[in-house]
Amino acid sequence: MFLGLVLFLSPLLAYWMAVRYPDRALTIFPNFKYHPLRIHYERERLRVNPLVQFDPQRLYTLELWDVRWPIFWHEYFQYEEFLVYTLEGFFERHPNVSVHITLFSPEDYLTALRTALSEGNLPDVYVGPILPELLESGRVIAVDAFLTPEDRALYDTRTLDVISSKRGVIGFPRTIGVYGWLANAEIMKRVGMNPDITVSDGWTWNDFHTFAGKVKEAGLTPLALDNFRGGVTAVKHLCMQTDEGLGEDLYTENGEHPSLPRLTEAGLGTTLEFLDGLRKAGYLPDPVKNMYKRMIPGFWNGQIAVIGPCGPGMTRHVLERMERLGAGKEGGAPAAKGSTNVTPVLVPIPARRLGDARTPFEVTVAVPLDPGGQSDKAPPDLGHARLAVELARFLSQADVAWVAYKLGEIPAYLPERQRWEALVPSWLLHSMKALLGRVIPPEEGPPGVMGQALTEEALRDQMEPILEEFWEGGVGSAQREQTP
């Protein structure tokens, strides 16, 4: 549970956040009234696909609104100078993008927002406090309202809201935390499943069993997981979808990072039982032990319906593959017998129960509407929308360091409060530079960064031999209970 919010910047912001962030607003599940995917489906009924490209040769212009806060960086740089300095790092990544900045005084931004709302002339990116009526309009999505509690504790309380004047909604896979699975939307539709609903609402283990049975009947392979070296990552993220998957530390207490998922023996056992059921039903490739070798080729030739886990590396592979296919530089493998075309879509990993689901989507762009409440009839420019999200995420990270350094605190759960107080202000000044693309020696990082790497290594060392034996058909329930 979120234990409290820190008052800062203005009484208005404090009041808005107290009203805006009740328990319902902290959920990441699609039944939340303002969930970005829910708003998107209600407005457009279009499938959200995170694998959206933009033209690197085209010139894009993004409209950015911010507030000229009366605070200073490093004693002499004003906020607007910090903003310009921050954007230099963004332009290095996207030289074909320009940003038009409009800065409002703290007294004028409310009027500007209300006027933009009434005229349907909202910017691409807005940084600052948001009026409740903006959220209720369905035109603005609060980025940090949909993070996991652990991630949200590290975010600036000044909500960074993102919209796109060009229409379009995009979900991005997390860089850390929760992964997704990569599904072939064409196969899902072929066996009677709506990929839109799966992306929006998630699916349970029982749902996946039903889906897998239909896929097998169609002569295709339902699922292949990356089980190289035991598949620790694949099992870990599936285990996180159980009601008992997180809790007491499974592998070590030394240097444990607060935001790392801590797996339980019970959750791991339940997860392996689920995977064992899939294996016995013939829903995994044969031989199961080496399915990682055939996972990606099988997906692209239309023979495997779902692969995983899908994180930043997998998503980058899919983007590059789509770019080559679109440019005619890659013909692709011939379709396997009984297969279908391939349309990749990132879906949540099935959860034991829907209430335990964790979305792989982190940042979204809302669909702006005209003053009459109707969608713009112009075709969507998803490239423009994606770049707006990229800019928003870039500014979001920089603002964390900015505000934390100036105010000495950011909203956090009580277990994390002490850790942050120990970091302010010395490391956060370095953190801001790191977030802008600068490199900091590991010894200057915050406590827990090295511990996180050690913890992951300890987890892998402990679980690898158990999982290797599992994929070979051993390690039953009784054996797991005896495993130290």
Protein backbone atom coordinates (compact mmCIF):
# COMPACT_ATOMS: atom_id res chain seq x y z
CA MET A 1 0.00 0.00 0.00
CA PHE A 2 1.06 3.51 -0.69
CA LEU A 3 1.66 4.99 2.81
CA GLY A 4 1.73 8.66 2.09
CA LEU A 5 2.53 11.48 -0.31
CA VAL A 6 5.00 14.27 0.20
CA LEU A 7 3.68 17.81 0.08
CA PHE A 8 5.73 20.10 -2.08
CA LEU A 9 5.73 22.69 -4.87
CA SER A 10 2.37 24.22 -3.94
CA PRO A 11 -0.75 23.69 -1.81
CA LEU A 12 -2.67 23.15 -5.04
CA LEU A 13 -0.43 20.27 -6.02
CA ALA A 14 -0.70 18.75 -2.57
CA TYR A 15 -4.50 18.98 -2.68
CA TRP A 16 -4.66 17.58 -6.22
CA MET A 17 -2.47 14.61 -5.38
CA ALA A 18 -4.42 13.81 -2.24
CA VAL A 19 -7.61 13.70 -4.31
CA ARG A 20 -6.06 12.12 -7.38
CA TYR A 21 -4.18 9.26 -5.74
CA PRO A 22 -6.56 7.21 -3.65
CA ASP A 23 -5.98 3.46 -3.65
CA ARG A 24 -7.82 2.99 -6.93
CA ALA A 25 -5.44 5.33 -8.71
CA LEU A 26 -2.45 3.30 -7.64
CA THR A 27 -3.56 0.12 -9.30
CA ILE A 28 -2.05 -0.93 -12.59
CA PHE A 29 -4.95 -3.17 -13.55
CA PRO A 30 -7.17 -2.42 -16.57
CA ASN A 31 -10.38 -2.05 -14.52
CA PHE A 32 -9.13 1.31 -13.25
CA LYS A 33 -11.32 4.11 -14.63
CA TYR A 34 -8.44 6.08 -16.10
CA HIS A 35 -6.30 3.15 -17.20
CA PRO A 36 -4.65 4.20 -20.49
CA LEU A 37 -5.58 1.02 -22.32
CA ARG A 38 -9.19 1.21 -21.16
CA ILE A 39 -9.53 4.81 -22.37
CA HIS A 40 -7.91 3.83 -25.64
CA TYR A 41 -10.26 0.94 -26.30
CA GLU A 42 -13.33 2.96 -25.40
CA ARG A 43 -12.34 5.72 -27.82
CA GLU A 44 -10.88 3.89 -30.78
CA ARG A 45 -11.14 0.12 -30.38
CA LEU A 46 -7.72 -0.24 -31.92
CA ARG A 47 -5.09 -2.76 -30.88
CA VAL A 48 -2.26 -1.34 -28.80
CA ASN A 49 1.03 -2.54 -30.22
CA PRO A 50 4.27 -1.41 -28.57
CA LEU A 51 6.26 -2.28 -31.67
CA VAL A 52 5.61 1.03 -33.39
CA GLN A 53 8.21 2.62 -35.62
CA PHE A 54 8.95 6.18 -36.68
CA ASP A 55 10.67 7.41 -39.82
CA PRO A 56 14.32 8.28 -38.94
CA GLN A 57 14.54 10.45 -42.06
CA ARG A 58 11.49 12.54 -41.34
CA LEU A 59 11.65 15.77 -39.31
CA TYR A 60 9.37 15.75 -36.26
CA THR A 61 8.40 18.69 -34.06
CA LEU A 62 7.05 18.10 -30.56
CA GLU A 63 5.20 20.69 -28.51
CA LEU A 64 6.34 20.73 -24.87
CA TRP A 65 4.63 22.66 -22.07
CA ASP A 66 6.28 23.09 -18.69
CA VAL A 67 6.12 25.41 -15.71
CA ARG A 68 8.90 27.88 -14.95
CA TRP A 69 9.44 26.73 -11.39
CA PRO A 70 11.18 29.27 -9.09
CA ILE A 71 13.92 26.82 -8.14
CA PHE A 72 17.54 26.53 -9.14
CA TRP A 73 19.87 23.73 -10.08
CA HIS A 74 23.39 23.61 -8.68
CA GLU A 75 22.92 27.07 -7.14
CA TYR A 76 22.99 29.11 -10.33
CA PHE A 77 21.21 27.33 -13.22
CA GLN A 78 17.53 28.16 -13.44
CA TYR A 79 14.98 25.44 -14.19
CA GLU A 80 14.61 26.43 -17.85
CA GLU A 81 18.37 26.15 -18.33
CA PHE A 82 18.24 22.71 -16.77
CA LEU A 83 15.42 21.80 -19.16
CA VAL A 84 17.43 22.89 -22.20
CA TYR A 85 20.46 21.00 -20.90
CA THR A 86 18.30 17.91 -20.46
CA LEU A 87 16.96 18.10 -24.01
CA GLU A 88 20.48 18.06 -25.43
CA GLY A 89 20.71 14.42 -24.40
CA PHE A 90 17.39 13.68 -26.09
CA PHE A 91 18.49 15.33 -29.33
CA GLU A 92 21.63 13.19 -29.36
CA ARG A 93 19.37 10.14 -29.53
CA HIS A 94 16.87 11.65 -31.97
CA PRO A 95 18.61 14.21 -34.22
CA ASN A 96 15.55 14.40 -36.49
CA VAL A 97 13.36 15.76 -33.68
CA SER A 98 12.95 19.35 -32.57
CA VAL A 99 11.07 20.50 -29.47
CA HIS A 100 9.15 23.74 -29.16
CA ILE A 101 9.09 24.72 -25.47
CA THR A 102 6.47 26.90 -23.83
CA LEU A 103 7.10 27.79 -20.18
CA PHE A 104 4.26 29.15 -18.03
CA SER A 105 4.51 30.94 -14.74
CA PRO A 106 3.11 29.06 -11.70
CA GLU A 107 0.20 31.53 -11.73
CA ASP A 108 -0.72 31.06 -15.41
CA TYR A 109 -0.46 27.35 -16.17
CA LEU A 110 -3.93 26.48 -14.84
CA THR A 111 -5.55 28.99 -17.18
CA ALA A 112 -3.48 27.74 -20.10
CA LEU A 113 -4.52 24.14 -19.46
CA ARG A 114 -8.21 24.97 -19.22
CA THR A 115 -8.03 26.98 -22.44
CA ALA A 116 -6.19 24.19 -24.28
CA LEU A 117 -8.76 21.69 -23.03
CA SER A 118 -11.72 23.74 -24.23
CA GLU A 119 -10.13 24.45 -27.60
CA GLY A 120 -8.84 20.93 -28.15
CA ASN A 121 -5.32 22.28 -28.61
CA LEU A 122 -3.29 20.28 -26.12
CA PRO A 123 0.50 19.87 -26.51
CA ASP A 124 2.35 16.63 -27.13
CA VAL A 125 3.98 16.60 -23.69
CA TYR A 126 3.05 18.45 -20.54
CA VAL A 127 5.14 18.41 -17.35
CA GLY A 128 3.52 19.57 -14.15
CA PRO A 129 0.40 19.29 -11.96
CA ILE A 130 -2.71 18.19 -13.84
CA LEU A 131 -6.28 19.34 -13.29
CA PRO A 132 -8.71 16.53 -12.41
CA GLU A 133 -10.95 17.57 -15.31
CA LEU A 134 -8.11 16.84 -17.73
CA LEU A 135 -7.98 13.24 -16.56
CA GLU A 136 -11.75 12.96 -16.61
CA SER A 137 -11.80 14.22 -20.20
CA GLY A 138 -9.93 11.13 -21.37
CA ARG A 139 -7.39 13.31 -23.16
CA VAL A 140 -4.53 13.08 -20.67
CA ILE A 141 -2.88 10.05 -19.09
CA ALA A 142 -0.76 10.32 -15.94
CA VAL A 143 2.39 8.33 -16.59
CA ASP A 144 3.45 7.59 -13.02
CA ALA A 145 -0.04 6.58 -11.91
CA PHE A 146 0.37 3.18 -13.56
CA LEU A 147 3.77 2.10 -12.31
CA THR A 148 4.27 -0.70 -9.82
CA PRO A 149 4.47 0.56 -6.23
CA GLU A 150 8.21 -0.05 -6.17
CA ASP A 151 8.81 1.94 -9.33
CA ARG A 152 6.38 4.69 -8.39
CA ALA A 153 8.23 5.25 -5.13
CA LEU A 154 11.19 6.46 -7.18
CA TYR A 155 9.19 8.95 -9.23
CA ASP A 156 8.69 12.66 -8.92
CA THR A 157 5.34 13.63 -7.40
CA ARG A 158 4.89 16.21 -10.13
CA THR A 159 2.95 13.96 -12.44
CA LEU A 160 4.37 13.80 -15.93
CA ASP A 161 1.39 13.52 -18.25
CA VAL A 162 1.69 12.64 -21.88
CA ILE A 163 -0.69 13.27 -24.75
CA SER A 164 -0.32 13.36 -28.52
CA SER A 165 -1.96 15.87 -30.81
CA LYS A 166 -1.55 13.32 -33.63
CA ARG A 167 -3.62 10.54 -31.99
CA GLY A 168 -2.45 7.06 -31.16
CA VAL A 169 -1.73 5.01 -28.03
CA ILE A 170 1.50 3.19 -27.44
CA GLY A 171 2.60 0.87 -24.63
CA PHE A 172 6.28 0.21 -24.00
CA PRO A 173 7.76 -2.83 -22.28
CA ARG A 174 9.42 -2.09 -18.97
CA THR A 175 13.17 -1.69 -18.90
CA ILE A 176 13.17 -3.48 -15.52
CA GLY A 177 10.53 -5.17 -13.43
CA VAL A 178 7.71 -6.89 -15.26
CA TYR A 179 8.25 -8.55 -18.64
CA GLY A 180 5.58 -9.67 -21.11
CA TRP A 181 5.17 -12.49 -23.60
CA LEU A 182 5.26 -12.02 -27.37
CA ALA A 183 2.18 -13.42 -29.10
CA ASN A 184 1.18 -13.84 -32.73
CA ALA A 185 -2.08 -11.91 -32.94
CA GLU A 186 -3.06 -13.77 -36.11
CA ILE A 187 -2.98 -17.14 -34.34
CA MET A 188 -4.89 -15.72 -31.38
CA LYS A 189 -7.67 -14.55 -33.69
CA ARG A 190 -7.60 -17.82 -35.59
CA VAL A 191 -8.48 -19.81 -32.44
CA GLY A 192 -11.17 -17.36 -31.37
CA MET A 193 -9.24 -15.06 -28.98
CA ASN A 194 -9.35 -11.28 -29.19
CA PRO A 195 -5.77 -9.97 -28.78
CA ASP A 196 -7.14 -6.53 -27.91
CA ILE A 197 -8.93 -7.87 -24.85
CA THR A 198 -5.93 -9.96 -23.81
CA VAL A 199 -3.66 -6.91 -23.97
CA SER A 200 -6.14 -4.79 -22.05
CA ASP A 201 -7.50 -7.23 -19.46
CA GLY A 202 -4.80 -9.87 -19.21
CA TRP A 203 -5.46 -13.62 -18.97
CA THR A 204 -5.29 -16.36 -16.38
CA TRP A 205 -3.50 -19.69 -16.36
CA ASN A 206 -6.82 -21.37 -17.08
CA ASP A 207 -7.37 -19.01 -20.02
CA PHE A 208 -3.97 -19.94 -21.39
CA HIS A 209 -4.67 -23.67 -21.03
CA THR A 210 -7.84 -23.22 -23.09
CA PHE A 211 -5.99 -21.16 -25.68
CA ALA A 212 -3.11 -23.66 -25.84
CA GLY A 213 -5.50 -26.55 -26.41
CA LYS A 214 -7.04 -24.83 -29.42
CA VAL A 215 -3.63 -23.92 -30.83
CA LYS A 216 -2.47 -27.53 -30.52
CA GLU A 217 -5.62 -28.73 -32.28
CA ALA A 218 -4.71 -26.38 -35.14
CA GLY A 219 -1.39 -28.18 -35.52
CA LEU A 220 0.73 -25.41 -34.02
CA THR A 221 2.89 -25.10 -30.89
CA PRO A 222 1.21 -22.95 -28.19
CA LEU A 223 4.25 -21.77 -26.19
CA ALA A 224 8.05 -21.73 -26.16
CA LEU A 225 10.06 -20.15 -23.34
CA ASP A 226 13.68 -19.11 -23.19
CA ASN A 227 14.98 -21.86 -20.91
CA PHE A 228 18.65 -21.38 -21.69
CA ARG A 229 20.67 -22.10 -18.50
CA GLY A 230 17.48 -23.15 -16.78
CA GLY A 231 15.35 -20.22 -17.92
CA VAL A 232 15.65 -18.36 -14.62
CA THR A 233 14.25 -15.13 -16.07
CA ALA A 234 11.28 -16.83 -17.71
CA VAL A 235 10.35 -18.69 -14.54
CA LYS A 236 10.91 -15.64 -12.32
CA HIS A 237 8.52 -13.40 -14.26
CA LEU A 238 5.89 -16.13 -14.46
CA CYS A 239 6.26 -16.67 -10.72
CA MET A 240 5.59 -12.96 -10.18
CA GLN A 241 2.08 -13.54 -11.57
CA THR A 242 1.07 -15.75 -8.62
CA ASP A 243 -0.57 -14.54 -5.44
CA GLU A 244 2.23 -16.18 -3.47
CA GLY A 245 5.09 -15.40 -5.83
CA LEU A 246 6.47 -12.40 -3.95
CA GLY A 247 7.45 -12.32 -0.30
CA GLU A 248 10.38 -13.58 1.71
CA ASP A 249 13.70 -13.44 -0.07
CA LEU A 250 14.39 -16.76 -1.76
CA TYR A 251 18.09 -16.47 -2.35
CA THR A 252 19.97 -13.95 -0.21
CA GLU A 253 19.57 -11.09 2.22
CA ASN A 254 22.93 -9.45 1.63
CA GLY A 255 22.68 -6.21 -0.33
CA GLU A 256 19.10 -6.91 -1.35
CA HIS A 257 17.61 -4.03 -3.35
CA PRO A 258 14.11 -2.92 -2.19
CA SER A 259 12.65 -2.82 -5.69
CA LEU A 260 13.78 -6.32 -6.71
CA PRO A 261 11.08 -8.97 -6.87
CA ARG A 262 11.58 -11.46 -4.05
CA LEU A 263 10.40 -14.92 -4.96
CA THR A 264 8.96 -17.42 -2.49
CA GLU A 265 9.41 -21.16 -2.37
CA ALA A 266 5.63 -21.57 -2.54
CA GLY A 267 5.33 -19.32 -5.58
CA LEU A 268 8.17 -21.10 -7.35
CA GLY A 269 6.59 -24.48 -6.64
CA THR A 270 3.21 -23.36 -7.98
CA THR A 271 4.86 -21.93 -11.10
CA LEU A 272 6.75 -25.14 -11.86
CA GLU A 273 3.55 -27.15 -11.42
CA PHE A 274 1.86 -24.90 -14.00
CA LEU A 275 4.76 -25.34 -16.44
CA ASP A 276 4.81 -29.08 -15.79
CA GLY A 277 1.11 -29.21 -16.71
CA LEU A 278 1.84 -27.43 -19.99
CA ARG A 279 4.64 -29.86 -20.75
CA LYS A 280 2.56 -32.95 -20.00
CA ALA A 281 -0.27 -31.61 -22.20
CA GLY A 282 2.14 -31.28 -25.11
CA TYR A 283 1.86 -27.48 -25.26
CA LEU A 284 5.65 -26.93 -25.27
CA PRO A 285 8.08 -27.85 -28.07
CA ASP A 286 9.72 -31.27 -28.05
CA PRO A 287 12.34 -31.65 -26.73
CA VAL A 288 11.46 -29.15 -24.02
CA LYS A 289 15.00 -28.82 -22.74
CA ASN A 290 16.30 -27.09 -25.89
CA MET A 291 13.19 -25.16 -26.88
CA TYR A 292 15.06 -21.87 -26.59
CA LYS A 293 16.98 -22.83 -29.76
CA ARG A 294 13.78 -23.01 -31.84
CA MET A 295 11.80 -20.29 -30.07
CA ILE A 296 12.47 -17.25 -32.29
CA PRO A 297 12.60 -19.06 -35.69
CA GLY A 298 9.41 -20.92 -34.81
CA PHE A 299 7.64 -17.69 -33.92
CA TRP A 300 8.60 -15.93 -37.14
CA ASN A 301 7.61 -18.81 -39.39
CA GLY A 302 4.20 -18.87 -37.74
CA GLN A 303 4.60 -22.26 -36.06
CA ILE A 304 4.79 -21.08 -32.42
CA ALA A 305 1.96 -18.91 -31.08
CA VAL A 306 3.60 -17.34 -28.01
CA ILE A 307 7.20 -16.94 -26.86
CA GLY A 308 8.74 -15.30 -23.85
CA PRO A 309 9.75 -13.62 -21.77
CA CYS A 310 9.76 -10.40 -23.81
CA GLY A 311 11.84 -7.58 -22.39
CA PRO A 312 13.84 -4.76 -23.98
CA GLY A 313 16.19 -7.09 -25.88
CA MET A 314 13.41 -9.14 -27.41
CA THR A 315 11.44 -6.02 -28.30
CA ARG A 316 14.48 -4.53 -30.01
CA HIS A 317 14.87 -7.72 -32.04
CA VAL A 318 11.23 -7.55 -33.15
CA LEU A 319 11.51 -3.88 -34.09
CA GLU A 320 14.63 -4.49 -36.16
CA ARG A 321 13.07 -7.52 -37.83
CA MET A 322 9.94 -5.53 -38.72
CA GLU A 323 12.08 -2.74 -40.13
CA ARG A 324 13.99 -5.18 -42.36
CA LEU A 325 10.78 -6.83 -43.52
CA GLY A 326 9.22 -3.44 -44.23
CA ALA A 327 12.25 -2.40 -46.27
CA GLY A 328 12.18 -5.64 -48.24
CA LYS A 329 15.64 -6.56 -46.95
CA GLU A 330 14.52 -9.82 -45.41
CA GLY A 331 12.17 -12.31 -46.97
CA GLY A 332 11.63 -14.23 -43.77
CA ALA A 333 11.56 -18.00 -43.35
CA PRO A 334 8.96 -19.89 -45.37
CA ALA A 335 5.76 -20.40 -43.42
CA ALA A 336 5.51 -23.78 -41.77
CA LYS A 337 2.76 -26.19 -42.75
CA GLY A 338 -0.49 -25.23 -41.09
CA SER A 339 0.93 -21.90 -39.92
CA THR A 340 -0.34 -18.39 -40.53
CA ASN A 341 1.03 -14.88 -40.96
CA VAL A 342 2.86 -13.26 -38.07
CA THR A 343 1.67 -10.07 -36.35
CA PRO A 344 3.66 -9.64 -33.11
CA VAL A 345 1.96 -8.10 -30.09
CA LEU A 346 3.18 -7.76 -26.52
CA VAL A 347 0.74 -9.39 -24.08
CA PRO A 348 0.82 -9.72 -20.28
CA ILE A 349 2.20 -12.94 -18.89
CA PRO A 350 -0.78 -15.07 -17.77
CA ALA A 351 -1.54 -14.73 -14.06
CA ARG A 352 -2.77 -17.39 -11.68
CA ARG A 353 -5.67 -15.03 -10.99
CA LEU A 354 -6.51 -11.83 -12.83
CA GLY A 355 -6.20 -9.86 -9.60
CA ASP A 356 -2.51 -10.80 -9.45
CA ALA A 357 -1.68 -9.62 -12.98
CA ARG A 358 1.16 -7.17 -13.53
CA THR A 359 1.08 -5.25 -16.79
CA PRO A 360 4.19 -5.05 -18.98
CA PHE A 361 3.14 -1.58 -20.15
CA GLU A 362 4.70 1.43 -18.50
CA VAL A 363 4.13 4.63 -20.46
CA THR A 364 1.26 5.54 -22.77
CA VAL A 365 0.02 8.32 -25.00
CA ALA A 366 -3.66 9.21 -24.75
CA VAL A 367 -6.06 9.83 -27.64
CA PRO A 368 -6.85 13.57 -27.66
CA LEU A 369 -10.36 14.54 -28.73
CA ASP A 370 -11.76 17.65 -30.32
CA PRO A 371 -13.90 20.04 -28.19
CA GLY A 372 -17.04 18.18 -29.23
CA GLY A 373 -15.76 14.95 -27.74
CA GLN A 374 -15.29 13.15 -31.07
CA SER A 375 -12.06 11.61 -32.28
CA ASP A 376 -10.07 13.46 -34.88
CA LYS A 377 -10.75 11.94 -38.32
CA ALA A 378 -7.17 12.33 -39.51
CA PRO A 379 -5.16 9.11 -39.75
CA PRO A 380 -3.03 8.42 -36.67
CA ASP A 381 0.64 9.33 -36.74
CA LEU A 382 2.05 6.67 -34.45
CA GLY A 383 5.64 7.72 -35.08
CA HIS A 384 4.88 11.18 -33.72
CA ALA A 385 3.11 9.65 -30.74
CA ARG A 386 5.98 7.30 -29.98
CA LEU A 387 8.50 10.15 -30.00
CA ALA A 388 6.26 12.09 -27.61
CA VAL A 389 6.44 9.15 -25.23
CA GLU A 390 10.21 8.90 -25.60
CA LEU A 391 10.55 12.59 -24.73
CA ALA A 392 8.19 12.24 -21.78
CA ARG A 393 10.11 9.33 -20.33
CA PHE A 394 13.40 11.17 -20.80
CA LEU A 395 12.13 14.27 -18.98
CA SER A 396 10.50 12.14 -16.30
CA GLN A 397 13.79 10.53 -15.34
CA ALA A 398 15.62 13.84 -15.25
CA ASP A 399 12.93 15.51 -13.15
CA VAL A 400 13.25 12.82 -10.49
CA ALA A 401 16.82 13.82 -9.80
CA TRP A 402 16.01 17.49 -10.17
CA VAL A 403 13.24 17.68 -7.58
CA ALA A 404 14.79 15.17 -5.19
CA TYR A 405 18.02 17.14 -5.14
CA LYS A 406 16.29 20.45 -4.52
CA LEU A 407 13.71 19.33 -1.97
CA GLY A 408 15.68 16.59 -0.27
CA GLU A 409 12.89 14.02 -0.49
CA ILE A 410 10.58 12.27 -2.93
CA PRO A 411 7.44 10.19 -2.26
CA ALA A 412 8.37 6.69 -1.16
CA TYR A 413 7.21 3.81 0.96
CA LEU A 414 8.60 3.94 4.46
CA PRO A 415 11.04 1.04 3.82
CA GLU A 416 12.60 3.10 1.03
CA ARG A 417 12.55 6.47 2.81
CA GLN A 418 15.73 5.82 4.72
CA ARG A 419 17.55 4.72 1.60
CA TRP A 420 16.64 7.91 -0.25
CA GLU A 421 17.53 10.15 2.68
CA ALA A 422 20.96 8.59 2.64
CA LEU A 423 21.35 9.51 -1.02
CA VAL A 424 20.29 13.15 -0.87
CA PRO A 425 21.86 15.29 -2.04
CA SER A 426 25.23 13.88 -3.04
CA TRP A 427 24.40 10.93 -5.29
CA LEU A 428 21.26 12.41 -6.83
CA LEU A 429 23.30 15.16 -8.38
CA HIS A 430 25.38 12.42 -10.02
CA SER A 431 22.17 10.52 -10.80
CA MET A 432 20.83 13.43 -12.80
CA LYS A 433 23.93 13.36 -14.98
CA ALA A 434 23.68 9.61 -15.35
CA LEU A 435 20.08 9.85 -16.47
CA LEU A 436 21.18 12.28 -19.11
CA GLY A 437 23.50 9.74 -20.60
CA ARG A 438 26.60 10.32 -18.52
CA VAL A 439 28.48 7.40 -17.01
CA ILE A 440 29.14 7.18 -13.27
CA PRO A 441 31.67 4.77 -11.75
CA PRO A 442 29.84 1.97 -9.89
CA GLU A 443 31.38 2.96 -6.57
CA GLU A 444 29.58 6.31 -6.79
CA GLY A 445 26.19 4.66 -7.28
CA PRO A 446 23.59 4.31 -4.57
CA PRO A 447 23.67 1.49 -2.02
CA GLY A 448 22.00 -1.56 -3.50
CA VAL A 449 23.04 -1.20 -7.15
CA MET A 450 25.95 -3.60 -6.75
CA GLY A 451 23.82 -5.59 -4.34
CA GLN A 452 21.17 -5.95 -7.04
CA ALA A 453 23.68 -7.50 -9.43
CA LEU A 454 24.97 -9.82 -6.72
CA THR A 455 21.42 -10.79 -5.82
CA GLU A 456 20.54 -11.68 -9.41
CA GLU A 457 23.74 -13.72 -9.67
CA ALA A 458 22.92 -15.55 -6.45
CA LEU A 459 19.41 -16.25 -7.69
CA ARG A 460 20.72 -17.66 -10.95
CA ASP A 461 23.36 -19.79 -9.26
CA GLN A 462 20.81 -21.31 -6.91
CA MET A 463 17.98 -21.86 -9.39
CA GLU A 464 19.86 -22.92 -12.52
CA PRO A 465 20.60 -26.53 -11.50
CA ILE A 466 17.05 -26.99 -10.18
CA LEU A 467 15.48 -25.68 -13.37
CA GLU A 468 17.85 -27.59 -15.64
CA GLU A 469 16.69 -30.79 -13.96
CA PHE A 470 13.07 -29.62 -14.19
CA TRP A 471 13.22 -29.14 -17.96
CA GLU A 472 14.71 -32.61 -18.29
CA GLY A 473 11.62 -34.00 -16.58
CA GLY A 474 12.86 -34.26 -13.01
CA VAL A 475 12.31 -32.31 -9.79
CA GLY A 476 8.74 -33.16 -8.93
CA SER A 477 6.80 -31.60 -6.07
CA ALA A 478 8.22 -34.01 -3.50
CA GLN A 479 11.76 -33.40 -4.75
CA ARG A 480 11.31 -29.61 -4.63
CA GLU A 481 10.27 -29.80 -1.00
CA GLN A 482 13.57 -31.50 -0.23
CA THR A 483 15.65 -29.10 -2.33
CA PRO A 484 17.74 -26.85 -0.06
